[in-house]
């Protein structure tokens, strides 16, 4: 089965612009990507990266400027539905979590994100396709049902936690010891526990 990690290499993580410069956003994106690739490798998989612009990582990289829907649906068509996709902004991912993603005996395995997105999936169904707009996890459940696929979902905080907003950054420092957490610490970010909710500040 082909395993792909899509990533934006041109102008990634724009919702972190209030904290990070464009160059820093690219560096942080590559650090998260390194964590994802490391977890996939350690779980015995061989991921390939598909990026909108060149990125630096320890996996084969193909540059493809198509949008996410067009890219993934094109890959699903090429592989007759035999495809796994794991997003690049999941720095809490571990080998054990990867094993959970691939364990269910179902035509389509979905990993919901906390905001209604779909952070990963494994498809073995020739007619499954994706639609990442809006609450995509709901759409992917519907699409799978419509094509007659059996569906399983992986309820995992580590798979559900994608890093998009400033409020997401504490999760990296709290629950990861990988490249993304190291990058944040090296950039001067630290946890702040005043006020009831854990946040980050930059020294």
N, C-alpha and C. Protein backbone atom coordinates (compact mmCIF):
# COMPACT_ATOMS: atom_id res chain seq x y z
N UNK A 1 0.83 -1.20 0.00
CA UNK A 1 0.00 0.00 0.00
C UNK A 1 0.87 1.25 0.00
N UNK A 2 0.50 2.20 -0.82
CA UNK A 2 1.24 3.45 -0.88
C UNK A 2 0.87 4.33 0.31
N UNK A 3 1.86 4.93 0.94
CA UNK A 3 1.66 5.80 2.10
C UNK A 3 2.24 7.17 1.78
N UNK A 4 1.39 8.19 1.86
CA UNK A 4 1.77 9.53 1.44
C UNK A 4 1.57 10.53 2.58
N UNK A 5 2.50 11.45 2.71
CA UNK A 5 2.39 12.56 3.66
C UNK A 5 2.35 13.85 2.87
N UNK A 6 1.18 14.47 2.71
CA UNK A 6 1.11 15.76 2.01
C UNK A 6 1.59 16.89 2.92
N UNK A 7 2.25 17.88 2.31
CA UNK A 7 2.72 19.03 3.10
C UNK A 7 2.80 20.25 2.20
N UNK A 8 2.49 21.39 2.78
CA UNK A 8 2.66 22.65 2.06
C UNK A 8 4.10 23.11 2.21
N UNK A 9 4.81 23.23 1.11
CA UNK A 9 6.19 23.66 1.18
C UNK A 9 6.39 25.12 0.81
N UNK A 10 5.33 25.79 0.35
CA UNK A 10 5.47 27.15 -0.16
C UNK A 10 5.19 28.20 0.92
N UNK A 11 3.99 28.21 1.48
CA UNK A 11 3.64 29.19 2.51
C UNK A 11 2.84 28.47 3.59
N UNK A 12 3.50 27.62 4.38
CA UNK A 12 2.76 26.77 5.32
C UNK A 12 2.35 27.50 6.58
N UNK A 13 1.34 26.96 7.22
CA UNK A 13 0.93 27.35 8.57
C UNK A 13 0.74 28.86 8.72
N UNK A 14 -0.06 29.42 7.84
CA UNK A 14 -0.29 30.87 7.86
C UNK A 14 -0.99 31.32 9.14
N UNK A 15 -1.73 30.42 9.78
CA UNK A 15 -2.41 30.82 11.02
C UNK A 15 -1.46 30.96 12.20
N UNK A 16 -0.18 30.62 11.99
CA UNK A 16 0.84 30.88 13.00
C UNK A 16 1.63 32.16 12.71
N UNK A 17 1.13 32.96 11.77
CA UNK A 17 1.86 34.16 11.34
C UNK A 17 2.02 35.18 12.46
N UNK A 18 1.14 35.16 13.45
CA UNK A 18 1.26 36.12 14.56
C UNK A 18 2.45 35.81 15.45
N UNK A 19 2.98 34.59 15.36
CA UNK A 19 4.10 34.18 16.20
C UNK A 19 5.38 33.89 15.44
N UNK A 20 5.24 33.47 14.17
CA UNK A 20 6.40 32.99 13.42
C UNK A 20 6.51 33.73 12.09
N UNK A 21 7.74 34.01 11.68
CA UNK A 21 7.99 34.59 10.37
C UNK A 21 7.78 33.52 9.30
N UNK A 22 7.69 33.91 8.02
CA UNK A 22 7.54 32.88 6.97
C UNK A 22 8.65 31.84 6.99
N UNK A 23 9.90 32.25 7.19
CA UNK A 23 10.99 31.27 7.25
C UNK A 23 10.84 30.35 8.46
N UNK A 24 10.43 30.92 9.59
CA UNK A 24 10.24 30.09 10.78
C UNK A 24 9.09 29.11 10.60
N UNK A 25 8.04 29.54 9.92
CA UNK A 25 6.92 28.63 9.67
C UNK A 25 7.35 27.46 8.80
N UNK A 26 8.21 27.72 7.83
CA UNK A 26 8.72 26.62 7.00
C UNK A 26 9.60 25.69 7.82
N UNK A 27 10.46 26.25 8.66
CA UNK A 27 11.32 25.41 9.50
C UNK A 27 10.50 24.56 10.47
N UNK A 28 9.50 25.17 11.09
CA UNK A 28 8.66 24.44 12.03
C UNK A 28 7.86 23.35 11.33
N UNK A 29 7.39 23.65 10.13
CA UNK A 29 6.67 22.65 9.34
C UNK A 29 7.57 21.46 9.03
N UNK A 30 8.81 21.72 8.67
CA UNK A 30 9.74 20.62 8.38
C UNK A 30 10.08 19.83 9.65
N UNK A 31 10.09 20.51 10.80
CA UNK A 31 10.33 19.79 12.06
C UNK A 31 9.16 18.86 12.37
N UNK A 32 7.92 19.34 12.18
CA UNK A 32 6.77 18.46 12.39
C UNK A 32 6.78 17.31 11.40
N UNK A 33 7.13 17.61 10.16
CA UNK A 33 7.22 16.56 9.14
C UNK A 33 8.24 15.50 9.54
N UNK A 34 9.35 15.92 10.10
CA UNK A 34 10.38 14.97 10.56
C UNK A 34 9.82 14.04 11.64
N UNK A 35 9.01 14.59 12.55
CA UNK A 35 8.40 13.76 13.58
C UNK A 35 7.45 12.73 12.98
N UNK A 36 6.65 13.14 12.00
CA UNK A 36 5.69 12.23 11.37
C UNK A 36 6.44 11.13 10.61
N UNK A 37 7.43 11.50 9.82
CA UNK A 37 8.19 10.51 9.07
C UNK A 37 8.90 9.55 10.02
N UNK A 38 9.45 10.07 11.11
CA UNK A 38 10.13 9.21 12.07
C UNK A 38 9.20 8.18 12.68
N UNK A 39 7.98 8.59 13.02
CA UNK A 39 7.02 7.66 13.60
C UNK A 39 6.60 6.60 12.59
N UNK A 40 6.37 7.02 11.36
CA UNK A 40 5.97 6.08 10.31
C UNK A 40 7.09 5.09 10.02
N UNK A 41 8.31 5.58 9.92
CA UNK A 41 9.47 4.70 9.68
C UNK A 41 9.61 3.68 10.82
N UNK A 42 9.51 4.17 12.05
CA UNK A 42 9.70 3.30 13.21
C UNK A 42 8.61 2.23 13.30
N UNK A 43 7.45 2.51 12.71
CA UNK A 43 6.37 1.54 12.71
C UNK A 43 6.47 0.57 11.53
N UNK A 44 7.52 0.71 10.73
CA UNK A 44 7.76 -0.23 9.65
C UNK A 44 7.19 0.16 8.31
N UNK A 45 6.83 1.43 8.15
CA UNK A 45 6.28 1.91 6.88
C UNK A 45 7.31 2.75 6.14
N UNK A 46 7.07 2.93 4.84
CA UNK A 46 7.98 3.71 4.00
C UNK A 46 7.21 4.86 3.37
N UNK A 47 7.09 5.97 4.06
CA UNK A 47 6.29 7.07 3.54
C UNK A 47 6.98 7.83 2.42
N UNK A 48 6.18 8.41 1.55
CA UNK A 48 6.66 9.35 0.55
C UNK A 48 5.98 10.69 0.81
N UNK A 49 6.71 11.76 0.61
CA UNK A 49 6.19 13.10 0.86
C UNK A 49 5.80 13.73 -0.46
N UNK A 50 4.62 14.35 -0.47
CA UNK A 50 4.18 15.13 -1.63
C UNK A 50 4.01 16.56 -1.16
N UNK A 51 4.79 17.48 -1.73
CA UNK A 51 4.82 18.85 -1.25
C UNK A 51 4.51 19.82 -2.38
N UNK A 52 3.94 20.96 -2.01
CA UNK A 52 3.65 21.99 -3.01
C UNK A 52 4.90 22.74 -3.46
N UNK A 53 5.98 22.61 -2.70
CA UNK A 53 7.28 23.19 -3.04
C UNK A 53 8.33 22.33 -2.34
N UNK A 54 9.60 22.40 -2.76
CA UNK A 54 10.61 21.53 -2.16
C UNK A 54 10.69 21.67 -0.65
N UNK A 55 10.84 20.54 0.03
CA UNK A 55 11.06 20.51 1.47
C UNK A 55 12.23 19.59 1.76
N UNK A 56 12.81 19.78 2.94
CA UNK A 56 13.93 18.95 3.37
C UNK A 56 13.44 17.93 4.37
N UNK A 57 13.64 16.65 4.08
CA UNK A 57 13.21 15.59 5.00
C UNK A 57 13.89 14.29 4.62
N UNK A 58 13.74 13.29 5.49
CA UNK A 58 14.35 11.98 5.28
C UNK A 58 13.38 11.02 4.63
N UNK A 59 12.80 11.43 3.52
CA UNK A 59 11.88 10.59 2.75
C UNK A 59 11.87 11.11 1.32
N UNK A 60 11.49 10.28 0.36
CA UNK A 60 11.38 10.76 -1.02
C UNK A 60 10.34 11.87 -1.11
N UNK A 61 10.66 12.91 -1.87
CA UNK A 61 9.77 14.06 -2.01
C UNK A 61 9.39 14.26 -3.46
N UNK A 62 8.10 14.38 -3.72
CA UNK A 62 7.59 14.76 -5.03
C UNK A 62 6.93 16.12 -4.90
N UNK A 63 7.27 17.03 -5.78
CA UNK A 63 6.63 18.36 -5.78
C UNK A 63 5.41 18.30 -6.67
N UNK A 64 4.26 18.66 -6.10
CA UNK A 64 2.99 18.62 -6.82
C UNK A 64 2.17 19.81 -6.33
N UNK A 65 1.82 20.71 -7.23
CA UNK A 65 1.16 21.95 -6.84
C UNK A 65 -0.36 21.83 -6.79
N UNK A 66 -0.90 20.66 -7.02
CA UNK A 66 -2.35 20.50 -6.94
C UNK A 66 -2.85 20.73 -5.53
N UNK A 67 -4.10 21.14 -5.41
CA UNK A 67 -4.73 21.24 -4.11
C UNK A 67 -4.88 19.87 -3.48
N UNK A 68 -5.20 19.86 -2.18
CA UNK A 68 -5.21 18.60 -1.44
C UNK A 68 -6.23 17.62 -2.00
N UNK A 69 -7.44 18.09 -2.28
CA UNK A 69 -8.45 17.17 -2.82
C UNK A 69 -8.01 16.56 -4.14
N UNK A 70 -7.56 17.40 -5.06
CA UNK A 70 -7.14 16.91 -6.37
C UNK A 70 -5.96 15.94 -6.25
N UNK A 71 -5.02 16.28 -5.38
CA UNK A 71 -3.85 15.43 -5.19
C UNK A 71 -4.24 14.05 -4.66
N UNK A 72 -4.98 14.03 -3.56
CA UNK A 72 -5.30 12.75 -2.92
C UNK A 72 -6.25 11.93 -3.79
N UNK A 73 -7.23 12.57 -4.41
CA UNK A 73 -8.13 11.82 -5.27
C UNK A 73 -7.41 11.27 -6.50
N UNK A 74 -6.43 12.02 -7.00
CA UNK A 74 -5.62 11.49 -8.09
C UNK A 74 -4.82 10.27 -7.67
N UNK A 75 -4.27 10.31 -6.45
CA UNK A 75 -3.52 9.16 -5.94
C UNK A 75 -4.44 7.97 -5.68
N UNK A 76 -5.64 8.23 -5.18
CA UNK A 76 -6.60 7.14 -4.98
C UNK A 76 -6.96 6.47 -6.31
N UNK A 77 -7.10 7.28 -7.35
CA UNK A 77 -7.40 6.71 -8.67
C UNK A 77 -6.22 5.89 -9.18
N UNK A 78 -5.01 6.41 -8.99
CA UNK A 78 -3.81 5.71 -9.47
C UNK A 78 -3.61 4.37 -8.76
N UNK A 79 -3.97 4.30 -7.50
CA UNK A 79 -3.70 3.11 -6.69
C UNK A 79 -4.93 2.20 -6.56
N UNK A 80 -5.99 2.53 -7.28
CA UNK A 80 -7.25 1.76 -7.18
C UNK A 80 -7.75 1.73 -5.75
N UNK A 81 -7.57 2.85 -5.07
CA UNK A 81 -8.06 2.99 -3.70
C UNK A 81 -7.16 2.44 -2.62
N UNK A 82 -6.02 1.88 -2.99
CA UNK A 82 -5.10 1.31 -1.99
C UNK A 82 -4.11 2.40 -1.56
N UNK A 83 -4.53 3.23 -0.60
CA UNK A 83 -3.73 4.40 -0.24
C UNK A 83 -3.92 4.74 1.23
N UNK A 84 -2.83 5.14 1.86
CA UNK A 84 -2.87 5.71 3.20
C UNK A 84 -2.32 7.13 3.14
N UNK A 85 -2.97 8.03 3.85
CA UNK A 85 -2.54 9.42 3.91
C UNK A 85 -2.46 9.85 5.37
N UNK A 86 -1.32 10.41 5.74
CA UNK A 86 -1.11 10.94 7.08
C UNK A 86 -0.63 12.38 6.93
N UNK A 87 -1.30 13.31 7.59
CA UNK A 87 -0.93 14.71 7.45
C UNK A 87 0.40 15.00 8.13
N UNK A 88 1.05 16.07 7.68
CA UNK A 88 2.42 16.37 8.11
C UNK A 88 2.48 17.16 9.41
N UNK A 89 1.32 17.61 9.93
CA UNK A 89 1.34 18.48 11.11
C UNK A 89 0.86 17.75 12.35
N UNK A 90 1.33 16.51 12.52
CA UNK A 90 0.94 15.67 13.66
C UNK A 90 2.17 15.30 14.48
N UNK A 91 2.81 16.26 15.13
CA UNK A 91 4.09 15.97 15.80
C UNK A 91 3.96 15.11 17.05
N UNK A 92 2.72 14.83 17.49
CA UNK A 92 2.53 13.94 18.63
C UNK A 92 2.49 12.47 18.21
N UNK A 93 2.58 12.22 16.92
CA UNK A 93 2.46 10.85 16.40
C UNK A 93 3.58 9.97 16.95
N UNK A 94 3.22 8.73 17.28
CA UNK A 94 4.19 7.74 17.76
C UNK A 94 4.05 6.47 16.93
N UNK A 95 5.05 5.59 16.95
CA UNK A 95 4.90 4.31 16.24
C UNK A 95 3.69 3.51 16.70
N UNK A 96 3.40 3.53 18.01
CA UNK A 96 2.24 2.79 18.51
C UNK A 96 0.94 3.35 17.94
N UNK A 97 0.87 4.66 17.80
CA UNK A 97 -0.32 5.28 17.21
C UNK A 97 -0.46 4.90 15.75
N UNK A 98 0.65 4.85 15.04
CA UNK A 98 0.62 4.42 13.64
C UNK A 98 0.09 2.99 13.53
N UNK A 99 0.54 2.13 14.41
CA UNK A 99 0.06 0.75 14.39
C UNK A 99 -1.45 0.69 14.62
N UNK A 100 -1.97 1.54 15.49
CA UNK A 100 -3.42 1.59 15.71
C UNK A 100 -4.16 2.02 14.45
N UNK A 101 -3.57 2.94 13.67
CA UNK A 101 -4.20 3.41 12.44
C UNK A 101 -4.34 2.29 11.43
N UNK A 102 -3.34 1.43 11.35
CA UNK A 102 -3.34 0.37 10.34
C UNK A 102 -3.96 -0.94 10.85
N UNK A 103 -4.37 -0.99 12.10
CA UNK A 103 -4.84 -2.25 12.68
C UNK A 103 -6.26 -2.65 12.28
N UNK A 104 -7.21 -1.74 12.18
CA UNK A 104 -8.60 -2.17 11.95
C UNK A 104 -8.79 -2.91 10.62
N UNK A 105 -9.69 -3.89 10.66
CA UNK A 105 -10.05 -4.65 9.47
C UNK A 105 -11.28 -3.99 8.84
N UNK A 106 -11.06 -2.94 8.05
CA UNK A 106 -12.16 -2.21 7.43
C UNK A 106 -11.68 -1.69 6.08
N UNK A 107 -12.64 -1.40 5.20
CA UNK A 107 -12.28 -0.86 3.88
C UNK A 107 -11.66 0.53 4.00
N UNK A 108 -12.18 1.32 4.92
CA UNK A 108 -11.68 2.67 5.13
C UNK A 108 -11.52 2.90 6.63
N UNK A 109 -10.33 3.33 7.03
CA UNK A 109 -10.06 3.69 8.42
C UNK A 109 -9.82 5.19 8.48
N UNK A 110 -10.55 5.87 9.35
CA UNK A 110 -10.47 7.32 9.45
C UNK A 110 -9.93 7.72 10.81
N UNK A 111 -9.10 8.77 10.82
CA UNK A 111 -8.60 9.35 12.06
C UNK A 111 -9.10 10.79 12.15
N UNK A 112 -10.14 11.05 12.95
CA UNK A 112 -10.69 12.41 13.03
C UNK A 112 -9.72 13.38 13.69
N UNK A 113 -9.77 14.64 13.24
CA UNK A 113 -9.06 15.72 13.90
C UNK A 113 -9.98 16.41 14.89
N UNK A 114 -9.41 17.15 15.82
CA UNK A 114 -10.21 17.78 16.87
C UNK A 114 -11.16 18.84 16.33
N UNK A 115 -10.87 19.45 15.21
CA UNK A 115 -11.72 20.50 14.66
C UNK A 115 -12.66 20.03 13.58
N UNK A 116 -12.85 18.72 13.45
CA UNK A 116 -13.75 18.19 12.43
C UNK A 116 -13.06 17.76 11.16
N UNK A 117 -11.74 17.87 11.11
CA UNK A 117 -11.00 17.45 9.94
C UNK A 117 -10.70 15.97 9.94
N UNK A 118 -9.95 15.54 8.93
CA UNK A 118 -9.51 14.15 8.82
C UNK A 118 -7.99 14.16 8.76
N UNK A 119 -7.35 13.73 9.84
CA UNK A 119 -5.89 13.85 9.94
C UNK A 119 -5.14 12.69 9.31
N UNK A 120 -5.84 11.57 9.10
CA UNK A 120 -5.22 10.42 8.44
C UNK A 120 -6.33 9.48 7.99
N UNK A 121 -6.02 8.69 6.99
CA UNK A 121 -6.94 7.62 6.61
C UNK A 121 -6.14 6.51 5.94
N UNK A 122 -6.73 5.32 5.98
CA UNK A 122 -6.22 4.16 5.25
C UNK A 122 -7.37 3.63 4.43
N UNK A 123 -7.19 3.55 3.12
CA UNK A 123 -8.25 3.08 2.23
C UNK A 123 -7.83 1.81 1.52
N UNK A 124 -8.76 0.85 1.45
CA UNK A 124 -8.60 -0.35 0.64
C UNK A 124 -9.77 -0.52 -0.31
N UNK A 125 -10.51 0.56 -0.53
CA UNK A 125 -11.72 0.49 -1.35
C UNK A 125 -11.52 1.26 -2.65
N UNK A 126 -11.81 0.66 -3.80
CA UNK A 126 -11.50 1.31 -5.08
C UNK A 126 -12.30 2.57 -5.36
N UNK A 127 -13.43 2.75 -4.70
CA UNK A 127 -14.28 3.89 -5.01
C UNK A 127 -14.24 5.00 -3.97
N UNK A 128 -13.44 4.84 -2.93
CA UNK A 128 -13.37 5.89 -1.90
C UNK A 128 -12.64 7.12 -2.46
N UNK A 129 -13.18 8.28 -2.17
CA UNK A 129 -12.57 9.55 -2.55
C UNK A 129 -12.68 10.51 -1.38
N UNK A 130 -11.96 11.63 -1.45
CA UNK A 130 -11.91 12.56 -0.33
C UNK A 130 -12.51 13.91 -0.69
N UNK A 131 -12.91 14.62 0.35
CA UNK A 131 -13.37 16.01 0.26
C UNK A 131 -12.97 16.67 1.57
N UNK A 132 -11.85 17.43 1.53
CA UNK A 132 -11.30 17.99 2.76
C UNK A 132 -11.90 19.33 3.15
N UNK A 133 -12.87 19.83 2.41
CA UNK A 133 -13.47 21.12 2.74
C UNK A 133 -14.43 20.98 3.90
N UNK A 134 -14.45 21.98 4.80
CA UNK A 134 -15.40 21.97 5.90
C UNK A 134 -15.12 20.87 6.89
N UNK A 135 -16.19 20.28 7.43
CA UNK A 135 -16.06 19.20 8.42
C UNK A 135 -15.81 17.90 7.66
N UNK A 136 -14.57 17.68 7.26
CA UNK A 136 -14.28 16.60 6.32
C UNK A 136 -14.51 15.22 6.91
N UNK A 137 -14.37 15.06 8.22
CA UNK A 137 -14.58 13.73 8.79
C UNK A 137 -16.03 13.29 8.56
N UNK A 138 -16.95 14.23 8.66
CA UNK A 138 -18.35 13.91 8.40
C UNK A 138 -18.55 13.53 6.94
N UNK A 139 -17.91 14.29 6.05
CA UNK A 139 -18.04 13.99 4.62
C UNK A 139 -17.42 12.64 4.27
N UNK A 140 -16.30 12.31 4.90
CA UNK A 140 -15.64 11.06 4.58
C UNK A 140 -16.42 9.85 5.09
N UNK A 141 -17.08 10.01 6.23
CA UNK A 141 -17.99 8.95 6.67
C UNK A 141 -19.10 8.74 5.64
N UNK A 142 -19.67 9.84 5.18
CA UNK A 142 -20.77 9.75 4.20
C UNK A 142 -20.29 9.14 2.90
N UNK A 143 -19.14 9.60 2.38
CA UNK A 143 -18.62 9.09 1.12
C UNK A 143 -18.37 7.59 1.22
N UNK A 144 -17.79 7.16 2.34
CA UNK A 144 -17.51 5.73 2.52
C UNK A 144 -18.81 4.92 2.52
N UNK A 145 -19.82 5.43 3.22
CA UNK A 145 -21.11 4.72 3.23
C UNK A 145 -21.70 4.63 1.83
N UNK A 146 -21.62 5.73 1.08
CA UNK A 146 -22.23 5.78 -0.25
C UNK A 146 -21.59 4.81 -1.22
N UNK A 147 -20.29 4.54 -1.05
CA UNK A 147 -19.63 3.59 -1.96
C UNK A 147 -19.67 2.16 -1.42
N UNK A 148 -20.33 1.98 -0.30
CA UNK A 148 -20.47 0.63 0.26
C UNK A 148 -19.26 0.13 1.02
N UNK A 149 -18.42 1.04 1.48
CA UNK A 149 -17.21 0.64 2.21
C UNK A 149 -17.52 0.44 3.69
N UNK A 150 -16.88 -0.55 4.29
CA UNK A 150 -16.92 -0.65 5.74
C UNK A 150 -15.96 0.38 6.33
N UNK A 151 -16.33 0.92 7.48
CA UNK A 151 -15.58 2.05 8.05
C UNK A 151 -15.22 1.77 9.50
N UNK A 152 -13.99 2.12 9.86
CA UNK A 152 -13.56 2.12 11.25
C UNK A 152 -12.93 3.48 11.55
N UNK A 153 -13.01 3.91 12.80
CA UNK A 153 -12.38 5.15 13.20
C UNK A 153 -11.41 4.89 14.34
N UNK A 154 -10.32 5.64 14.34
CA UNK A 154 -9.31 5.53 15.37
C UNK A 154 -9.43 6.74 16.29
N UNK A 155 -9.84 6.49 17.51
CA UNK A 155 -10.01 7.56 18.50
C UNK A 155 -8.68 7.73 19.24
N UNK A 156 -7.89 8.70 18.76
CA UNK A 156 -6.55 8.88 19.31
C UNK A 156 -6.24 10.36 19.44
N UNK A 157 -5.91 10.79 20.65
CA UNK A 157 -5.53 12.19 20.85
C UNK A 157 -4.31 12.55 20.02
N UNK A 158 -3.37 11.63 19.89
CA UNK A 158 -2.15 11.95 19.16
C UNK A 158 -2.42 12.11 17.67
N UNK A 159 -3.33 11.33 17.12
CA UNK A 159 -3.71 11.51 15.72
C UNK A 159 -4.65 12.70 15.54
N UNK A 160 -5.42 13.01 16.55
CA UNK A 160 -6.39 14.09 16.42
C UNK A 160 -5.78 15.48 16.54
N UNK A 161 -4.59 15.55 17.15
CA UNK A 161 -3.99 16.86 17.44
C UNK A 161 -3.11 17.32 16.30
N UNK A 162 -3.69 18.15 15.43
CA UNK A 162 -2.89 18.78 14.38
C UNK A 162 -2.57 20.21 14.83
N UNK A 163 -1.43 20.70 14.39
CA UNK A 163 -0.92 21.98 14.89
C UNK A 163 -1.14 23.05 13.82
N UNK A 164 -2.15 23.89 14.06
CA UNK A 164 -2.50 24.95 13.11
C UNK A 164 -2.48 26.34 13.73
N UNK A 165 -2.91 26.45 14.98
CA UNK A 165 -3.13 27.73 15.64
C UNK A 165 -2.13 27.93 16.78
N UNK A 166 -1.91 29.19 17.20
CA UNK A 166 -1.05 29.41 18.37
C UNK A 166 -1.48 28.62 19.60
N UNK A 167 -2.80 28.45 19.79
CA UNK A 167 -3.28 27.70 20.95
C UNK A 167 -2.92 26.22 20.89
N UNK A 168 -2.49 25.73 19.72
CA UNK A 168 -2.10 24.33 19.59
C UNK A 168 -0.67 24.07 20.07
N UNK A 169 0.14 25.11 20.13
CA UNK A 169 1.57 24.90 20.40
C UNK A 169 1.85 24.28 21.77
N UNK A 170 1.07 24.59 22.83
CA UNK A 170 1.37 23.91 24.09
C UNK A 170 1.31 22.39 24.00
N UNK A 171 0.47 21.86 23.12
CA UNK A 171 0.37 20.40 22.99
C UNK A 171 1.70 19.79 22.59
N UNK A 172 2.45 20.51 21.75
CA UNK A 172 3.75 20.00 21.30
C UNK A 172 4.73 19.94 22.46
N UNK A 173 4.78 21.03 23.24
CA UNK A 173 5.72 21.07 24.36
C UNK A 173 5.29 20.16 25.51
N UNK A 174 4.00 19.91 25.64
CA UNK A 174 3.51 19.05 26.72
C UNK A 174 3.66 17.56 26.42
N UNK A 175 3.48 17.19 25.15
CA UNK A 175 3.29 15.77 24.84
C UNK A 175 4.26 15.20 23.82
N UNK A 176 5.26 15.97 23.41
CA UNK A 176 6.21 15.47 22.42
C UNK A 176 7.63 15.82 22.83
N UNK A 177 8.55 14.94 22.48
CA UNK A 177 9.98 15.21 22.68
C UNK A 177 10.73 15.13 21.36
N UNK A 178 10.02 15.37 20.27
CA UNK A 178 10.60 15.23 18.95
C UNK A 178 11.18 16.51 18.40
N UNK A 179 11.35 16.52 17.08
CA UNK A 179 11.98 17.65 16.41
C UNK A 179 11.16 18.93 16.54
N UNK A 180 9.84 18.84 16.49
CA UNK A 180 9.01 20.03 16.59
C UNK A 180 9.12 20.68 17.97
N UNK A 181 9.11 19.85 19.01
CA UNK A 181 9.27 20.38 20.36
C UNK A 181 10.65 21.00 20.53
N UNK A 182 11.67 20.35 20.00
CA UNK A 182 13.02 20.91 20.07
C UNK A 182 13.09 22.24 19.34
N UNK A 183 12.42 22.32 18.18
CA UNK A 183 12.46 23.57 17.42
C UNK A 183 11.83 24.70 18.22
N UNK A 184 10.68 24.43 18.83
CA UNK A 184 10.01 25.48 19.62
C UNK A 184 10.88 25.93 20.78
N UNK A 185 11.50 24.98 21.47
CA UNK A 185 12.36 25.36 22.59
C UNK A 185 13.56 26.18 22.12
N UNK A 186 14.17 25.75 21.02
CA UNK A 186 15.32 26.47 20.49
C UNK A 186 14.93 27.88 20.03
N UNK A 187 13.67 28.05 19.61
CA UNK A 187 13.19 29.35 19.17
C UNK A 187 12.74 30.23 20.33
N UNK A 188 12.84 29.71 21.55
CA UNK A 188 12.55 30.51 22.73
C UNK A 188 11.16 30.35 23.30
N UNK A 189 10.40 29.39 22.83
CA UNK A 189 9.05 29.19 23.35
C UNK A 189 9.10 28.35 24.62
N UNK A 190 8.25 28.71 25.56
CA UNK A 190 8.13 27.96 26.80
C UNK A 190 6.69 27.97 27.27
N UNK A 191 6.35 26.98 28.11
CA UNK A 191 5.00 26.88 28.62
C UNK A 191 4.74 27.91 29.70
N UNK A 192 3.52 28.42 29.71
CA UNK A 192 3.06 29.35 30.74
C UNK A 192 1.81 28.74 31.36
N UNK A 193 1.81 28.59 32.68
CA UNK A 193 0.69 27.92 33.35
C UNK A 193 -0.17 28.87 34.16
N UNK A 194 0.03 30.17 34.04
CA UNK A 194 -0.80 31.13 34.76
C UNK A 194 -2.17 31.25 34.10
N UNK A 195 -3.20 31.48 34.89
CA UNK A 195 -4.51 31.78 34.33
C UNK A 195 -5.38 30.58 34.05
N UNK A 196 -4.97 29.38 34.41
CA UNK A 196 -5.84 28.23 34.26
C UNK A 196 -5.61 27.42 33.01
N UNK A 197 -5.32 28.07 31.89
CA UNK A 197 -5.08 27.35 30.63
C UNK A 197 -3.60 27.45 30.29
N UNK A 198 -3.01 26.33 29.91
CA UNK A 198 -1.60 26.33 29.55
C UNK A 198 -1.43 26.99 28.18
N UNK A 199 -0.53 27.96 28.10
CA UNK A 199 -0.24 28.65 26.85
C UNK A 199 1.27 28.64 26.66
N UNK A 200 1.73 29.31 25.60
CA UNK A 200 3.15 29.47 25.38
C UNK A 200 3.50 30.95 25.29
N UNK A 201 4.71 31.26 25.61
CA UNK A 201 5.24 32.59 25.35
C UNK A 201 6.66 32.45 24.84
N UNK A 202 7.10 33.48 24.14
CA UNK A 202 8.42 33.45 23.53
C UNK A 202 9.34 34.39 24.28
N UNK A 203 10.45 33.87 24.71
CA UNK A 203 11.40 34.68 25.48
C UNK A 203 12.05 35.72 24.59
